[in-house]
N, C-alpha and C. Protein backbone atom coordinates (compact mmCIF):
# COMPACT_ATOMS: atom_id res chain seq x y z
N UNK A 1 0.90 -1.24 0.08
CA UNK A 1 -0.05 0.14 0.27
C UNK A 1 0.98 0.98 -0.02
N UNK A 2 1.14 2.19 -0.80
CA UNK A 2 1.62 3.15 -0.95
C UNK A 2 0.80 4.23 -0.64
N UNK A 3 1.65 5.13 0.25
CA UNK A 3 1.37 6.22 0.79
C UNK A 3 1.96 7.58 0.23
N UNK A 4 0.85 8.37 -0.05
CA UNK A 4 1.41 10.04 -0.56
C UNK A 4 0.89 10.96 0.32
N UNK A 5 1.94 11.78 0.35
CA UNK A 5 1.62 13.05 1.69
C UNK A 5 1.35 14.00 0.64
N UNK A 6 0.31 15.00 0.58
CA UNK A 6 0.15 16.00 -0.02
C UNK A 6 -0.68 16.83 -0.15
N UNK A 7 -1.09 18.20 -0.67
CA UNK A 7 -1.98 19.23 -0.49
C UNK A 7 -3.28 18.43 -1.28
N UNK A 8 -3.97 18.01 -0.53
CA UNK A 8 -5.06 17.44 -0.69
C UNK A 8 -6.26 18.51 -1.90
N UNK A 9 -5.89 19.70 -1.09
CA UNK A 9 -7.41 20.21 -2.01
C UNK A 9 -7.02 22.01 -1.55
N UNK A 10 -6.96 22.91 -2.47
CA UNK A 10 -7.24 24.25 -2.10
C UNK A 10 -8.59 25.02 -2.74
N UNK A 11 -8.82 25.99 -2.36
CA UNK A 11 -9.69 26.60 -2.73
C UNK A 11 -9.76 28.47 -2.08
N UNK A 12 -9.79 29.41 -3.27
CA UNK A 12 -9.88 30.88 -2.80
C UNK A 12 -11.38 31.29 -3.19
N UNK A 13 -12.05 31.20 -2.20
CA UNK A 13 -13.87 31.32 -2.21
C UNK A 13 -14.05 32.58 -2.86
N UNK A 14 -14.57 32.61 -3.96
CA UNK A 14 -15.35 33.78 -4.53
C UNK A 14 -16.92 33.57 -4.56
N UNK A 15 -17.18 32.91 -3.77
CA UNK A 15 -18.91 32.81 -3.58
C UNK A 15 -19.00 32.38 -2.48
N UNK A 16 -20.05 32.41 -1.56
CA UNK A 16 -20.62 31.89 -0.52
C UNK A 16 -20.88 30.13 -0.51
N UNK A 17 -21.25 30.30 -2.15
CA UNK A 17 -21.77 28.73 -2.05
C UNK A 17 -21.05 27.72 -1.14
N UNK A 18 -21.30 26.47 -1.10
CA UNK A 18 -20.81 24.81 -0.93
C UNK A 18 -19.89 24.97 -2.05
N UNK A 19 -18.81 24.60 -1.49
CA UNK A 19 -17.83 24.30 -2.86
C UNK A 19 -17.20 22.58 -2.20
N UNK A 20 -16.87 21.66 -3.31
CA UNK A 20 -16.35 20.24 -2.49
C UNK A 20 -14.66 20.72 -3.00
N UNK A 21 -13.78 20.52 -2.39
CA UNK A 21 -12.12 20.76 -2.57
C UNK A 21 -11.81 19.66 -2.54
N UNK A 22 -12.25 18.46 -2.18
CA UNK A 22 -11.50 17.46 -2.35
C UNK A 22 -12.64 16.19 -2.21
N UNK A 23 -12.35 15.31 -3.27
CA UNK A 23 -12.87 13.90 -3.05
C UNK A 23 -12.21 12.92 -3.08
N UNK A 24 -12.19 11.62 -2.38
CA UNK A 24 -11.30 11.29 -2.07
C UNK A 24 -11.40 9.66 -3.34
N UNK A 25 -10.21 10.07 -4.15
CA UNK A 25 -10.35 9.13 -5.34
C UNK A 25 -10.39 7.59 -4.93
N UNK A 26 -11.12 6.82 -5.94
CA UNK A 26 -11.44 5.35 -6.18
C UNK A 26 -9.96 4.49 -5.75
N UNK A 27 -10.48 3.60 -4.73
CA UNK A 27 -9.23 2.55 -4.43
C UNK A 27 -8.20 3.28 -3.38
N UNK A 28 -8.77 4.38 -3.02
CA UNK A 28 -8.05 5.13 -1.99
C UNK A 28 -8.87 5.39 -0.76
N UNK A 29 -7.48 5.58 0.64
CA UNK A 29 -8.40 5.95 1.79
C UNK A 29 -7.55 7.33 2.14
N UNK A 30 -8.02 8.31 2.85
CA UNK A 30 -7.40 9.47 3.18
C UNK A 30 -7.16 9.97 4.41
N UNK A 31 -6.47 10.40 4.92
CA UNK A 31 -6.05 10.74 6.38
C UNK A 31 -5.84 12.60 6.09
N UNK A 32 -6.87 13.40 6.62
CA UNK A 32 -6.99 14.64 7.04
C UNK A 32 -6.01 14.98 8.08
N UNK A 33 -4.94 15.19 7.74
CA UNK A 33 -3.80 16.07 8.89
C UNK A 33 -4.52 17.57 9.39
N UNK A 34 -4.28 17.95 8.15
CA UNK A 34 -4.50 19.94 8.70
C UNK A 34 -5.33 20.41 7.78
N UNK A 35 -6.24 21.30 8.39
CA UNK A 35 -6.64 22.18 7.25
C UNK A 35 -6.20 23.64 7.84
N UNK A 36 -6.07 24.58 6.85
CA UNK A 36 -5.67 26.07 7.26
C UNK A 36 -6.90 27.03 6.48
N UNK A 37 -7.51 27.38 7.17
CA UNK A 37 -8.48 28.69 6.89
C UNK A 37 -7.78 30.12 6.73
N UNK A 38 -7.51 31.00 5.53
CA UNK A 38 -6.95 32.12 5.68
C UNK A 38 -8.07 33.17 5.34
N UNK A 39 -7.99 34.34 6.03
CA UNK A 39 -9.08 35.16 5.91
C UNK A 39 -8.21 36.32 5.18
N UNK A 40 -8.11 36.52 3.93
CA UNK A 40 -7.32 37.20 3.24
C UNK A 40 -7.85 38.61 2.98
N UNK A 41 -9.31 38.62 3.66
CA UNK A 41 -10.23 39.98 3.38
C UNK A 41 -9.73 40.93 4.29
N UNK A 42 -10.55 41.96 4.17
CA UNK A 42 -10.27 43.15 5.19
C UNK A 42 -11.44 43.46 6.01
N UNK A 43 -12.36 42.57 6.08
CA UNK A 43 -13.61 42.47 7.02
C UNK A 43 -13.58 40.90 7.72
N UNK A 44 -14.06 40.75 8.85
CA UNK A 44 -14.36 39.50 9.38
C UNK A 44 -15.23 38.78 9.20
N UNK A 45 -15.34 37.23 9.02
CA UNK A 45 -16.41 36.33 8.22
C UNK A 45 -16.12 35.18 9.16
N UNK A 46 -17.05 34.04 8.46
CA UNK A 46 -17.45 32.92 9.17
C UNK A 46 -16.95 32.01 7.98
N UNK A 47 -17.02 30.70 8.27
CA UNK A 47 -16.60 29.81 7.72
C UNK A 47 -17.11 28.28 7.88
N UNK A 48 -17.64 27.49 7.07
CA UNK A 48 -18.04 26.25 7.42
C UNK A 48 -17.23 25.25 6.47
N UNK A 49 -17.07 23.75 7.37
CA UNK A 49 -16.12 22.76 6.79
C UNK A 49 -17.30 21.55 6.64
N UNK A 50 -17.60 20.96 5.82
CA UNK A 50 -18.67 19.48 6.44
C UNK A 50 -17.72 18.61 5.31
N UNK A 51 -17.76 17.30 5.82
CA UNK A 51 -17.18 15.78 5.40
C UNK A 51 -18.82 15.18 5.30
N UNK A 52 -18.32 14.26 3.85
CA UNK A 52 -19.70 13.74 4.08
C UNK A 52 -19.44 12.76 2.64
N UNK A 53 -20.11 11.34 2.80
CA UNK A 53 -20.03 10.43 2.03
C UNK A 53 -20.69 10.74 0.54
N UNK A 54 -20.01 10.55 -0.40
CA UNK A 54 -20.46 10.89 -1.71
C UNK A 54 -21.75 10.42 -2.11
N UNK A 55 -22.79 11.54 -2.45
CA UNK A 55 -24.14 10.70 -2.97
C UNK A 55 -24.55 11.26 -2.09
N UNK A 56 -24.24 11.46 -0.54
CA UNK A 56 -24.97 12.20 0.49
C UNK A 56 -25.67 13.78 0.12
N UNK A 57 -26.91 14.24 0.23
CA UNK A 57 -27.05 15.51 0.46
C UNK A 57 -26.73 16.39 1.39
N UNK A 58 -25.64 17.49 1.67
CA UNK A 58 -25.32 17.83 2.40
C UNK A 58 -26.72 18.51 3.69
N UNK A 59 -25.92 17.87 4.50
CA UNK A 59 -27.30 18.18 5.79
C UNK A 59 -26.26 18.54 7.14
N UNK A 60 -26.88 18.61 8.25
CA UNK A 60 -26.48 19.34 9.30
C UNK A 60 -25.54 18.37 10.20
N UNK A 61 -25.74 16.93 9.84
CA UNK A 61 -24.98 15.98 10.36
C UNK A 61 -23.27 16.05 10.11
N UNK A 62 -23.24 16.69 8.63
CA UNK A 62 -21.88 16.43 8.46
C UNK A 62 -20.74 17.68 8.74
N UNK A 63 -21.31 18.66 8.88
CA UNK A 63 -20.48 19.76 9.39
C UNK A 63 -20.00 19.24 10.63
N UNK A 64 -18.32 19.48 10.43
CA UNK A 64 -17.22 19.56 11.85
C UNK A 64 -16.99 21.13 12.36
N UNK A 65 -17.15 22.09 11.36
CA UNK A 65 -17.38 23.33 11.79
C UNK A 65 -18.44 23.98 10.96
N UNK A 66 -19.32 25.01 12.18
CA UNK A 66 -20.22 25.70 11.15
C UNK A 66 -20.53 27.03 11.56
N UNK A 67 -20.27 28.19 10.46
CA UNK A 67 -20.38 29.67 11.08
C UNK A 67 -19.16 30.02 11.95
N UNK A 68 -18.24 29.48 12.07
CA UNK A 68 -16.89 29.74 12.88
C UNK A 68 -16.47 30.91 12.12
N UNK A 69 -16.42 31.98 13.40
CA UNK A 69 -15.90 33.46 12.87
C UNK A 69 -14.18 33.48 12.65
N UNK A 70 -14.16 34.14 11.81
CA UNK A 70 -12.50 34.64 11.73
C UNK A 70 -12.21 35.86 11.25
N UNK A 71 -11.13 36.22 12.13
CA UNK A 71 -11.10 37.98 11.92
C UNK A 71 -10.22 38.30 10.72
N UNK A 72 -10.37 39.60 9.89
CA UNK A 72 -9.67 40.17 8.92
C UNK A 72 -8.14 39.70 8.89
N UNK A 73 -7.54 39.14 7.89
CA UNK A 73 -6.14 39.14 7.38
C UNK A 73 -5.44 38.22 8.95
N UNK A 74 -6.33 37.32 9.31
CA UNK A 74 -5.95 36.23 10.58
C UNK A 74 -6.06 34.86 9.67
N UNK A 75 -5.98 33.69 10.25
CA UNK A 75 -5.57 32.29 10.07
C UNK A 75 -5.92 31.64 11.23
N UNK A 76 -6.84 30.28 10.52
CA UNK A 76 -7.18 29.02 11.75
C UNK A 76 -6.51 27.92 11.49
N UNK A 77 -5.75 27.52 12.06
CA UNK A 77 -5.23 26.17 11.60
C UNK A 77 -6.10 25.05 12.62
N UNK A 78 -6.50 23.83 11.49
CA UNK A 78 -6.99 22.79 12.33
C UNK A 78 -6.56 21.63 12.21
N UNK A 79 -6.13 20.85 13.41
CA UNK A 79 -5.53 19.66 13.24
C UNK A 79 -6.43 18.63 13.64
N UNK A 80 -6.82 17.88 12.26
CA UNK A 80 -7.73 17.03 12.29
C UNK A 80 -7.80 15.60 12.56
N UNK A 81 -6.70 14.37 11.76
CA UNK A 81 -6.41 13.62 11.79
C UNK A 81 -7.70 12.42 11.53
N UNK A 82 -8.49 12.78 10.78
CA UNK A 82 -9.37 12.26 10.15
C UNK A 82 -9.17 11.33 9.10
N UNK A 83 -9.92 9.88 9.09
CA UNK A 83 -10.16 9.14 7.98
C UNK A 83 -11.41 9.14 7.09
N UNK A 84 -10.85 9.02 5.81
CA UNK A 84 -11.99 9.16 4.86
C UNK A 84 -11.56 8.45 4.09
N UNK A 85 -13.18 7.51 3.44
CA UNK A 85 -13.29 6.35 2.40
C UNK A 85 -13.15 6.56 1.06
N UNK A 86 -12.77 5.75 0.06
CA UNK A 86 -12.62 6.30 -1.49
C UNK A 86 -14.39 6.99 -1.71
N UNK A 87 -14.36 8.08 -2.55
CA UNK A 87 -15.36 8.87 -2.80
C UNK A 87 -16.11 9.94 -2.02
N UNK A 88 -15.40 9.95 -0.86
CA UNK A 88 -16.17 10.77 0.63
C UNK A 88 -15.71 12.20 0.26
N UNK A 89 -16.38 13.28 0.64
CA UNK A 89 -16.25 14.71 0.05
C UNK A 89 -16.02 15.63 1.37
N UNK A 90 -15.13 16.84 0.90
CA UNK A 90 -14.81 17.82 1.56
C UNK A 90 -15.58 19.06 1.08
N UNK A 91 -16.12 19.61 2.10
CA UNK A 91 -17.31 20.81 1.20
C UNK A 91 -16.87 21.94 2.36
N UNK A 92 -16.48 23.14 1.50
CA UNK A 92 -16.61 24.49 2.59
C UNK A 92 -16.94 25.42 2.46
N UNK A 93 -17.30 26.60 3.00
CA UNK A 93 -18.15 27.69 2.38
C UNK A 93 -17.64 29.02 3.34
N UNK A 94 -17.60 29.95 2.88
CA UNK A 94 -17.15 31.26 3.14
C UNK A 94 -18.57 31.98 3.59
N UNK A 95 -18.58 32.58 4.94
CA UNK A 95 -19.69 33.83 5.04
C UNK A 95 -19.86 34.74 3.95
N UNK A 96 -18.96 35.15 3.64
CA UNK A 96 -18.74 36.29 2.51
C UNK A 96 -17.45 35.81 1.38
N UNK A 97 -18.43 36.41 0.09
CA UNK A 97 -17.56 35.58 -0.80
C UNK A 97 -15.67 36.58 -1.13
N UNK A 98 -14.92 36.07 -1.74
CA UNK A 98 -13.88 36.82 -2.10
C UNK A 98 -13.15 37.26 -0.93
N UNK A 99 -13.03 35.76 0.42
CA UNK A 99 -12.34 36.63 1.24
C UNK A 99 -11.17 35.33 1.91
N UNK A 100 -12.13 34.07 1.95
CA UNK A 100 -11.14 33.07 2.37
C UNK A 100 -10.43 31.97 1.33
N UNK A 101 -9.13 31.46 1.91
CA UNK A 101 -8.60 30.61 1.32
C UNK A 101 -8.71 29.53 2.36
N UNK A 102 -8.91 28.36 1.50
CA UNK A 102 -8.52 26.86 2.29
C UNK A 102 -7.81 26.41 1.65
N UNK A 103 -6.87 25.45 2.40
CA UNK A 103 -5.49 24.99 1.99
C UNK A 103 -5.75 23.15 3.25
N UNK A 104 -5.69 22.16 2.23
CA UNK A 104 -5.96 20.77 2.97
C UNK A 104 -4.88 20.24 2.67
N UNK A 105 -4.74 19.65 4.14
CA UNK A 105 -3.20 18.28 3.83
C UNK A 105 -3.53 17.06 4.10
N UNK A 106 -2.93 16.40 3.80
CA UNK A 106 -2.89 14.82 4.58
C UNK A 106 -1.94 13.52 3.28
N UNK A 107 -2.96 12.72 3.38
CA UNK A 107 -1.73 11.68 2.95
C UNK A 107 -2.89 10.49 2.58
N UNK A 108 -2.97 10.21 0.90
CA UNK A 108 -3.60 9.12 0.39
C UNK A 108 -2.83 7.99 0.19
N UNK A 109 -3.84 6.75 0.39
CA UNK A 109 -2.92 5.42 1.14
C UNK A 109 -4.18 4.47 -0.25
N UNK A 110 -3.30 4.14 -1.15
CA UNK A 110 -3.95 3.14 -2.22
C UNK A 110 -4.03 1.86 -1.38
N UNK A 111 -5.48 1.15 -1.59
CA UNK A 111 -5.88 0.17 -0.73
C UNK A 111 -6.24 -0.92 -2.11
């Protein structure tokens, strides 16, 4: 089983819509180690992060962070250590468009 440590996903949010930033490839398991949320805007805002199985409609049960405040020109680092199966999805959203960058790091394991 090969393991690849990498940037799993990145997004600069230009909308407040839910955006999928990572889907676990088929025949792969993923360990999410860290997510960094950076507010590169000049106003405070909020962010959401959800983890869900592919095919699930986004619902309250999927959120690991919901409407979390983040100050202007600040960042939040989340150390997660979460395991995902093939086709699971990481979805993010910003409280205001054009303000947040999301960076997701971890390891993909071929199974």
